[in-house]
Amino acid sequence: MTDNEIFEKVRGIIAEKLNIDDEESITLDSSFVNDLKADSMDILDLVSGFEEEFDITIPDDKGRAFETVREAVAYLKTLI
C-alpha cells in the first residue's frame, strides 16, 4: 500500500469521525488539535478507526502521540 493510499483512507476516517465536510481541507500537515480541533477523546476514536480500517493494533501511548496526519500515516505504514 502506498503512502498516498494510506493517506486517502486516513483522511476519510478523519472526515467521518470529526464531521469534516471538506475532506480536501485535511492535509498531511494538518495538526489534529490545532487544525482539526480534535480533543483527546476524538484522537482515541480516530486511532480506533485506523485500527479497524487497517486491521492493526496501535498501542495507546503511540496513538496519543500523533500530532499531525503525516505522523499517523508514517506510523501506519510501518504496521501495514
N, C-alpha and C. Protein backbone atom coordinates (compact mmCIF):
# COMPACT_ATOMS: atom_id res chain seq x y z
N MET A 1 0.85 -1.18 0.00
CA MET A 1 0.00 0.00 0.00
C MET A 1 0.90 1.24 0.00
N THR A 2 0.60 2.19 -0.87
CA THR A 2 1.43 3.39 -0.98
C THR A 2 1.07 4.40 0.11
N ASP A 3 1.97 5.35 0.31
CA ASP A 3 1.70 6.43 1.27
C ASP A 3 0.40 7.15 0.93
N ASN A 4 0.19 7.39 -0.36
CA ASN A 4 -1.00 8.13 -0.78
C ASN A 4 -2.27 7.32 -0.52
N GLU A 5 -2.21 6.01 -0.73
CA GLU A 5 -3.39 5.17 -0.46
C GLU A 5 -3.70 5.18 1.04
N ILE A 6 -2.67 5.10 1.85
CA ILE A 6 -2.87 5.17 3.30
C ILE A 6 -3.46 6.53 3.68
N PHE A 7 -2.88 7.59 3.13
CA PHE A 7 -3.36 8.94 3.43
C PHE A 7 -4.83 9.10 3.06
N GLU A 8 -5.23 8.62 1.89
CA GLU A 8 -6.62 8.76 1.46
C GLU A 8 -7.58 8.05 2.42
N LYS A 9 -7.20 6.87 2.87
CA LYS A 9 -8.04 6.15 3.83
C LYS A 9 -8.09 6.88 5.17
N VAL A 10 -6.92 7.36 5.62
CA VAL A 10 -6.84 8.09 6.88
C VAL A 10 -7.68 9.37 6.80
N ARG A 11 -7.57 10.07 5.68
CA ARG A 11 -8.34 11.31 5.50
C ARG A 11 -9.83 11.03 5.56
N GLY A 12 -10.27 9.94 4.96
CA GLY A 12 -11.68 9.58 5.02
C GLY A 12 -12.15 9.30 6.43
N ILE A 13 -11.33 8.60 7.20
CA ILE A 13 -11.66 8.29 8.59
C ILE A 13 -11.74 9.58 9.40
N ILE A 14 -10.77 10.46 9.21
CA ILE A 14 -10.75 11.73 9.94
C ILE A 14 -12.00 12.54 9.62
N ALA A 15 -12.33 12.65 8.33
CA ALA A 15 -13.51 13.42 7.92
C ALA A 15 -14.78 12.86 8.55
N GLU A 16 -14.88 11.54 8.56
CA GLU A 16 -16.07 10.90 9.12
C GLU A 16 -16.15 11.10 10.63
N LYS A 17 -15.07 10.79 11.33
CA LYS A 17 -15.09 10.83 12.80
C LYS A 17 -15.19 12.25 13.36
N LEU A 18 -14.60 13.22 12.63
CA LEU A 18 -14.62 14.61 13.12
C LEU A 18 -15.66 15.47 12.42
N ASN A 19 -16.51 14.83 11.63
CA ASN A 19 -17.58 15.53 10.91
C ASN A 19 -17.06 16.71 10.09
N ILE A 20 -16.05 16.46 9.28
CA ILE A 20 -15.47 17.49 8.42
C ILE A 20 -16.02 17.28 7.02
N ASP A 21 -16.78 18.26 6.54
CA ASP A 21 -17.42 18.14 5.23
C ASP A 21 -16.43 18.24 4.08
N ASP A 22 -15.45 19.11 4.21
CA ASP A 22 -14.48 19.34 3.14
C ASP A 22 -13.25 18.47 3.37
N GLU A 23 -13.32 17.23 2.89
CA GLU A 23 -12.22 16.28 3.08
C GLU A 23 -10.90 16.81 2.51
N GLU A 24 -10.98 17.60 1.45
CA GLU A 24 -9.78 18.15 0.82
C GLU A 24 -9.02 19.10 1.76
N SER A 25 -9.69 19.62 2.78
CA SER A 25 -9.04 20.54 3.71
C SER A 25 -8.09 19.81 4.66
N ILE A 26 -8.20 18.48 4.70
CA ILE A 26 -7.33 17.67 5.55
C ILE A 26 -6.07 17.34 4.75
N THR A 27 -4.93 17.83 5.23
CA THR A 27 -3.66 17.59 4.53
C THR A 27 -2.73 16.80 5.43
N LEU A 28 -1.62 16.36 4.86
CA LEU A 28 -0.62 15.64 5.66
C LEU A 28 -0.09 16.51 6.79
N ASP A 29 -0.05 17.82 6.59
CA ASP A 29 0.49 18.71 7.61
C ASP A 29 -0.56 19.20 8.61
N SER A 30 -1.80 18.74 8.47
CA SER A 30 -2.85 19.15 9.41
C SER A 30 -2.53 18.63 10.81
N SER A 31 -2.63 19.52 11.78
CA SER A 31 -2.47 19.16 13.18
C SER A 31 -3.82 18.66 13.69
N PHE A 32 -3.82 17.53 14.38
CA PHE A 32 -5.08 17.00 14.89
C PHE A 32 -5.73 17.99 15.85
N VAL A 33 -4.95 18.60 16.73
CA VAL A 33 -5.50 19.50 17.73
C VAL A 33 -5.72 20.91 17.18
N ASN A 34 -4.68 21.50 16.60
CA ASN A 34 -4.77 22.90 16.18
C ASN A 34 -5.61 23.13 14.93
N ASP A 35 -5.47 22.26 13.92
CA ASP A 35 -6.19 22.47 12.66
C ASP A 35 -7.53 21.74 12.61
N LEU A 36 -7.56 20.53 13.12
CA LEU A 36 -8.76 19.70 13.01
C LEU A 36 -9.62 19.75 14.28
N LYS A 37 -9.15 20.45 15.29
CA LYS A 37 -9.89 20.69 16.55
C LYS A 37 -10.27 19.40 17.27
N ALA A 38 -9.41 18.39 17.19
CA ALA A 38 -9.67 17.13 17.88
C ALA A 38 -9.22 17.21 19.33
N ASP A 39 -10.04 16.67 20.22
CA ASP A 39 -9.63 16.59 21.62
C ASP A 39 -9.13 15.16 21.88
N SER A 40 -8.76 14.87 23.11
CA SER A 40 -8.17 13.57 23.40
C SER A 40 -9.14 12.41 23.11
N MET A 41 -10.40 12.61 23.35
CA MET A 41 -11.39 11.56 23.04
C MET A 41 -11.52 11.36 21.53
N ASP A 42 -11.49 12.45 20.77
CA ASP A 42 -11.53 12.35 19.32
C ASP A 42 -10.34 11.55 18.79
N ILE A 43 -9.18 11.82 19.36
CA ILE A 43 -7.96 11.13 18.90
C ILE A 43 -8.06 9.64 19.18
N LEU A 44 -8.58 9.26 20.34
CA LEU A 44 -8.77 7.84 20.63
C LEU A 44 -9.76 7.21 19.65
N ASP A 45 -10.79 7.95 19.29
CA ASP A 45 -11.77 7.47 18.32
C ASP A 45 -11.12 7.31 16.94
N LEU A 46 -10.26 8.26 16.57
CA LEU A 46 -9.55 8.16 15.29
C LEU A 46 -8.63 6.93 15.27
N VAL A 47 -7.90 6.73 16.35
CA VAL A 47 -6.99 5.58 16.43
C VAL A 47 -7.78 4.29 16.30
N SER A 48 -8.93 4.23 16.95
CA SER A 48 -9.80 3.05 16.84
C SER A 48 -10.23 2.84 15.38
N GLY A 49 -10.55 3.93 14.71
CA GLY A 49 -10.93 3.85 13.29
C GLY A 49 -9.78 3.37 12.42
N PHE A 50 -8.57 3.84 12.71
CA PHE A 50 -7.39 3.39 11.96
C PHE A 50 -7.17 1.89 12.18
N GLU A 51 -7.31 1.46 13.44
CA GLU A 51 -7.10 0.04 13.75
C GLU A 51 -8.10 -0.84 13.00
N GLU A 52 -9.34 -0.39 12.99
CA GLU A 52 -10.38 -1.16 12.31
C GLU A 52 -10.15 -1.20 10.79
N GLU A 53 -9.86 -0.05 10.20
CA GLU A 53 -9.67 0.04 8.75
C GLU A 53 -8.49 -0.80 8.27
N PHE A 54 -7.39 -0.77 9.00
CA PHE A 54 -6.16 -1.43 8.56
C PHE A 54 -5.92 -2.78 9.25
N ASP A 55 -6.85 -3.18 10.14
CA ASP A 55 -6.75 -4.45 10.86
C ASP A 55 -5.40 -4.57 11.59
N ILE A 56 -5.13 -3.56 12.41
CA ILE A 56 -3.88 -3.48 13.17
C ILE A 56 -4.20 -3.10 14.61
N THR A 57 -3.19 -3.13 15.46
CA THR A 57 -3.32 -2.66 16.84
C THR A 57 -2.28 -1.57 17.06
N ILE A 58 -2.74 -0.44 17.59
CA ILE A 58 -1.85 0.69 17.88
C ILE A 58 -1.84 0.87 19.39
N PRO A 59 -0.66 0.77 20.02
CA PRO A 59 -0.60 0.99 21.48
C PRO A 59 -1.15 2.38 21.84
N ASP A 60 -1.86 2.46 22.95
CA ASP A 60 -2.49 3.72 23.36
C ASP A 60 -1.49 4.88 23.41
N ASP A 61 -0.31 4.64 23.98
CA ASP A 61 0.65 5.73 24.12
C ASP A 61 1.12 6.21 22.74
N LYS A 62 1.21 5.32 21.77
CA LYS A 62 1.64 5.70 20.43
C LYS A 62 0.53 6.51 19.74
N GLY A 63 -0.70 6.06 19.87
CA GLY A 63 -1.83 6.75 19.24
C GLY A 63 -2.03 8.16 19.78
N ARG A 64 -1.83 8.32 21.07
CA ARG A 64 -2.00 9.65 21.68
C ARG A 64 -0.86 10.59 21.29
N ALA A 65 0.23 10.05 20.79
CA ALA A 65 1.40 10.87 20.45
C ALA A 65 1.31 11.50 19.06
N PHE A 66 0.36 11.05 18.23
CA PHE A 66 0.23 11.63 16.89
C PHE A 66 -0.14 13.11 16.99
N GLU A 67 0.66 13.96 16.38
CA GLU A 67 0.34 15.39 16.35
C GLU A 67 -0.19 15.82 14.99
N THR A 68 0.32 15.21 13.93
CA THR A 68 -0.12 15.57 12.58
C THR A 68 -0.58 14.33 11.83
N VAL A 69 -1.31 14.57 10.76
CA VAL A 69 -1.77 13.48 9.91
C VAL A 69 -0.55 12.75 9.33
N ARG A 70 0.48 13.48 8.98
CA ARG A 70 1.70 12.88 8.42
C ARG A 70 2.31 11.86 9.40
N GLU A 71 2.34 12.19 10.69
CA GLU A 71 2.88 11.27 11.69
C GLU A 71 2.05 10.00 11.76
N ALA A 72 0.74 10.14 11.71
CA ALA A 72 -0.13 8.96 11.74
C ALA A 72 0.09 8.09 10.52
N VAL A 73 0.15 8.70 9.34
CA VAL A 73 0.35 7.94 8.09
C VAL A 73 1.70 7.22 8.13
N ALA A 74 2.75 7.91 8.57
CA ALA A 74 4.08 7.30 8.63
C ALA A 74 4.08 6.11 9.58
N TYR A 75 3.43 6.24 10.72
CA TYR A 75 3.39 5.14 11.67
C TYR A 75 2.57 3.97 11.11
N LEU A 76 1.43 4.28 10.51
CA LEU A 76 0.59 3.23 9.95
C LEU A 76 1.35 2.45 8.88
N LYS A 77 2.15 3.15 8.09
CA LYS A 77 2.91 2.48 7.04
C LYS A 77 3.85 1.43 7.63
N THR A 78 4.37 1.68 8.83
CA THR A 78 5.30 0.71 9.44
C THR A 78 4.56 -0.56 9.88
N LEU A 79 3.25 -0.46 10.07
CA LEU A 79 2.47 -1.61 10.56
C LEU A 79 1.77 -2.39 9.46
N ILE A 80 1.70 -1.80 8.28
CA ILE A 80 0.94 -2.43 7.19
C ILE A 80 1.86 -3.28 6.33
